[in-house]
Amino acid sequence: MTRAELQATHLRKAIDGRDVIGRAKGIIMVRRGASADEAFDILRRASQDLNVKLA
């Protein structure tokens, strides 16, 4: 795999991860009436508590 292909793969994974986090934030915002920042904090705390990377 060339360097450009590797970079493209990493970029796709980053974009996909960001999309998933955005959807999760949206669900939390609707269900809990939270702001975007509050929803991200909820995700971040859950990630830390469960020792699972937020991605």
N, C-alpha and C. Protein backbone atom coordinates (compact mmCIF):
# COMPACT_ATOMS: atom_id res chain seq x y z
N MET A 1 0.85 -1.17 0.00
CA MET A 1 0.00 0.00 0.00
C MET A 1 0.90 1.24 0.00
N THR A 2 0.57 2.18 -0.85
CA THR A 2 1.37 3.40 -0.93
C THR A 2 1.03 4.32 0.23
N ARG A 3 1.88 5.30 0.44
CA ARG A 3 1.65 6.26 1.52
C ARG A 3 0.34 7.01 1.31
N ALA A 4 0.05 7.39 0.07
CA ALA A 4 -1.19 8.11 -0.24
C ALA A 4 -2.41 7.25 0.06
N GLU A 5 -2.33 5.98 -0.29
CA GLU A 5 -3.45 5.06 -0.01
C GLU A 5 -3.64 4.90 1.50
N LEU A 6 -2.55 4.80 2.23
CA LEU A 6 -2.61 4.66 3.67
C LEU A 6 -3.23 5.91 4.31
N GLN A 7 -2.82 7.07 3.82
CA GLN A 7 -3.38 8.32 4.33
C GLN A 7 -4.87 8.41 4.02
N ALA A 8 -5.27 8.01 2.84
CA ALA A 8 -6.68 8.03 2.46
C ALA A 8 -7.50 7.09 3.34
N THR A 9 -6.95 5.94 3.65
CA THR A 9 -7.63 4.98 4.53
C THR A 9 -7.81 5.57 5.92
N HIS A 10 -6.77 6.19 6.44
CA HIS A 10 -6.85 6.81 7.77
C HIS A 10 -7.87 7.95 7.78
N LEU A 11 -7.90 8.73 6.71
CA LEU A 11 -8.84 9.83 6.62
C LEU A 11 -10.28 9.32 6.60
N ARG A 12 -10.52 8.26 5.83
CA ARG A 12 -11.87 7.67 5.77
C ARG A 12 -12.30 7.18 7.15
N LYS A 13 -11.39 6.51 7.86
CA LYS A 13 -11.71 6.02 9.20
C LYS A 13 -12.02 7.17 10.15
N ALA A 14 -11.26 8.25 10.06
CA ALA A 14 -11.49 9.41 10.91
C ALA A 14 -12.86 10.04 10.63
N ILE A 15 -13.18 10.16 9.36
CA ILE A 15 -14.47 10.74 8.98
C ILE A 15 -15.61 9.84 9.43
N ASP A 16 -15.46 8.54 9.25
CA ASP A 16 -16.49 7.60 9.69
C ASP A 16 -16.68 7.68 11.20
N GLY A 17 -15.58 7.75 11.95
CA GLY A 17 -15.66 7.84 13.41
C GLY A 17 -16.35 9.12 13.84
N ARG A 18 -16.02 10.21 13.18
CA ARG A 18 -16.65 11.49 13.51
C ARG A 18 -18.15 11.43 13.24
N ASP A 19 -18.54 10.78 12.17
CA ASP A 19 -19.95 10.65 11.82
C ASP A 19 -20.70 9.85 12.89
N VAL A 20 -20.10 8.77 13.34
CA VAL A 20 -20.73 7.93 14.37
C VAL A 20 -20.89 8.71 15.67
N ILE A 21 -19.85 9.45 16.04
CA ILE A 21 -19.92 10.25 17.26
C ILE A 21 -21.01 11.31 17.12
N GLY A 22 -21.11 11.92 15.96
CA GLY A 22 -22.15 12.93 15.72
C GLY A 22 -23.55 12.35 15.85
N ARG A 23 -23.75 11.16 15.33
CA ARG A 23 -25.07 10.50 15.45
C ARG A 23 -25.36 10.17 16.90
N ALA A 24 -24.36 9.68 17.62
CA ALA A 24 -24.55 9.35 19.04
C ALA A 24 -24.89 10.61 19.84
N LYS A 25 -24.20 11.70 19.55
CA LYS A 25 -24.51 12.97 20.21
C LYS A 25 -25.95 13.38 19.94
N GLY A 26 -26.38 13.25 18.69
CA GLY A 26 -27.75 13.61 18.32
C GLY A 26 -28.78 12.80 19.08
N ILE A 27 -28.54 11.52 19.22
CA ILE A 27 -29.46 10.65 19.96
C ILE A 27 -29.55 11.09 21.42
N ILE A 28 -28.39 11.36 22.03
CA ILE A 28 -28.36 11.80 23.42
C ILE A 28 -29.06 13.15 23.57
N MET A 29 -28.85 14.04 22.63
CA MET A 29 -29.47 15.36 22.68
C MET A 29 -31.00 15.24 22.66
N VAL A 30 -31.51 14.36 21.81
CA VAL A 30 -32.97 14.20 21.70
C VAL A 30 -33.52 13.49 22.92
N ARG A 31 -32.90 12.41 23.33
CA ARG A 31 -33.43 11.61 24.43
C ARG A 31 -33.30 12.27 25.79
N ARG A 32 -32.22 13.02 25.98
CA ARG A 32 -31.97 13.62 27.30
C ARG A 32 -32.15 15.14 27.31
N GLY A 33 -32.44 15.72 26.18
CA GLY A 33 -32.60 17.17 26.12
C GLY A 33 -31.29 17.90 26.40
N ALA A 34 -30.19 17.30 26.04
CA ALA A 34 -28.86 17.85 26.32
C ALA A 34 -28.39 18.72 25.16
N SER A 35 -27.47 19.63 25.48
CA SER A 35 -26.82 20.41 24.44
C SER A 35 -25.76 19.54 23.76
N ALA A 36 -25.19 20.03 22.67
CA ALA A 36 -24.15 19.27 21.98
C ALA A 36 -22.94 19.04 22.88
N ASP A 37 -22.56 20.06 23.64
CA ASP A 37 -21.42 19.91 24.55
C ASP A 37 -21.72 18.92 25.66
N GLU A 38 -22.94 18.98 26.21
CA GLU A 38 -23.32 18.04 27.27
C GLU A 38 -23.35 16.61 26.74
N ALA A 39 -23.86 16.44 25.53
CA ALA A 39 -23.92 15.10 24.93
C ALA A 39 -22.52 14.55 24.73
N PHE A 40 -21.60 15.40 24.27
CA PHE A 40 -20.23 14.92 24.09
C PHE A 40 -19.60 14.56 25.42
N ASP A 41 -19.87 15.35 26.46
CA ASP A 41 -19.35 15.04 27.79
C ASP A 41 -19.88 13.69 28.29
N ILE A 42 -21.14 13.42 28.02
CA ILE A 42 -21.72 12.13 28.41
C ILE A 42 -21.00 10.99 27.70
N LEU A 43 -20.76 11.15 26.40
CA LEU A 43 -20.04 10.14 25.64
C LEU A 43 -18.61 9.97 26.15
N ARG A 44 -17.96 11.10 26.44
CA ARG A 44 -16.58 11.06 26.92
C ARG A 44 -16.49 10.34 28.26
N ARG A 45 -17.40 10.66 29.18
CA ARG A 45 -17.39 9.99 30.48
C ARG A 45 -17.66 8.50 30.35
N ALA A 46 -18.61 8.14 29.51
CA ALA A 46 -18.90 6.71 29.29
C ALA A 46 -17.68 6.01 28.71
N SER A 47 -17.00 6.67 27.80
CA SER A 47 -15.79 6.11 27.20
C SER A 47 -14.73 5.84 28.28
N GLN A 48 -14.55 6.82 29.17
CA GLN A 48 -13.56 6.66 30.23
C GLN A 48 -13.97 5.59 31.23
N ASP A 49 -15.26 5.59 31.61
CA ASP A 49 -15.74 4.61 32.59
C ASP A 49 -15.64 3.18 32.07
N LEU A 50 -15.89 3.02 30.77
CA LEU A 50 -15.86 1.68 30.18
C LEU A 50 -14.49 1.31 29.60
N ASN A 51 -13.57 2.28 29.66
CA ASN A 51 -12.23 2.09 29.11
C ASN A 51 -12.28 1.67 27.64
N VAL A 52 -13.13 2.39 26.89
CA VAL A 52 -13.30 2.15 25.46
C VAL A 52 -13.04 3.46 24.75
N LYS A 53 -12.20 3.42 23.72
CA LYS A 53 -11.86 4.64 22.98
C LYS A 53 -13.09 5.20 22.30
N LEU A 54 -13.28 6.51 22.40
CA LEU A 54 -14.39 7.19 21.75
C LEU A 54 -14.01 7.42 20.29
N ALA A 55 -14.58 6.61 19.42
CA ALA A 55 -14.26 6.72 18.00
C ALA A 55 -15.43 6.21 17.17
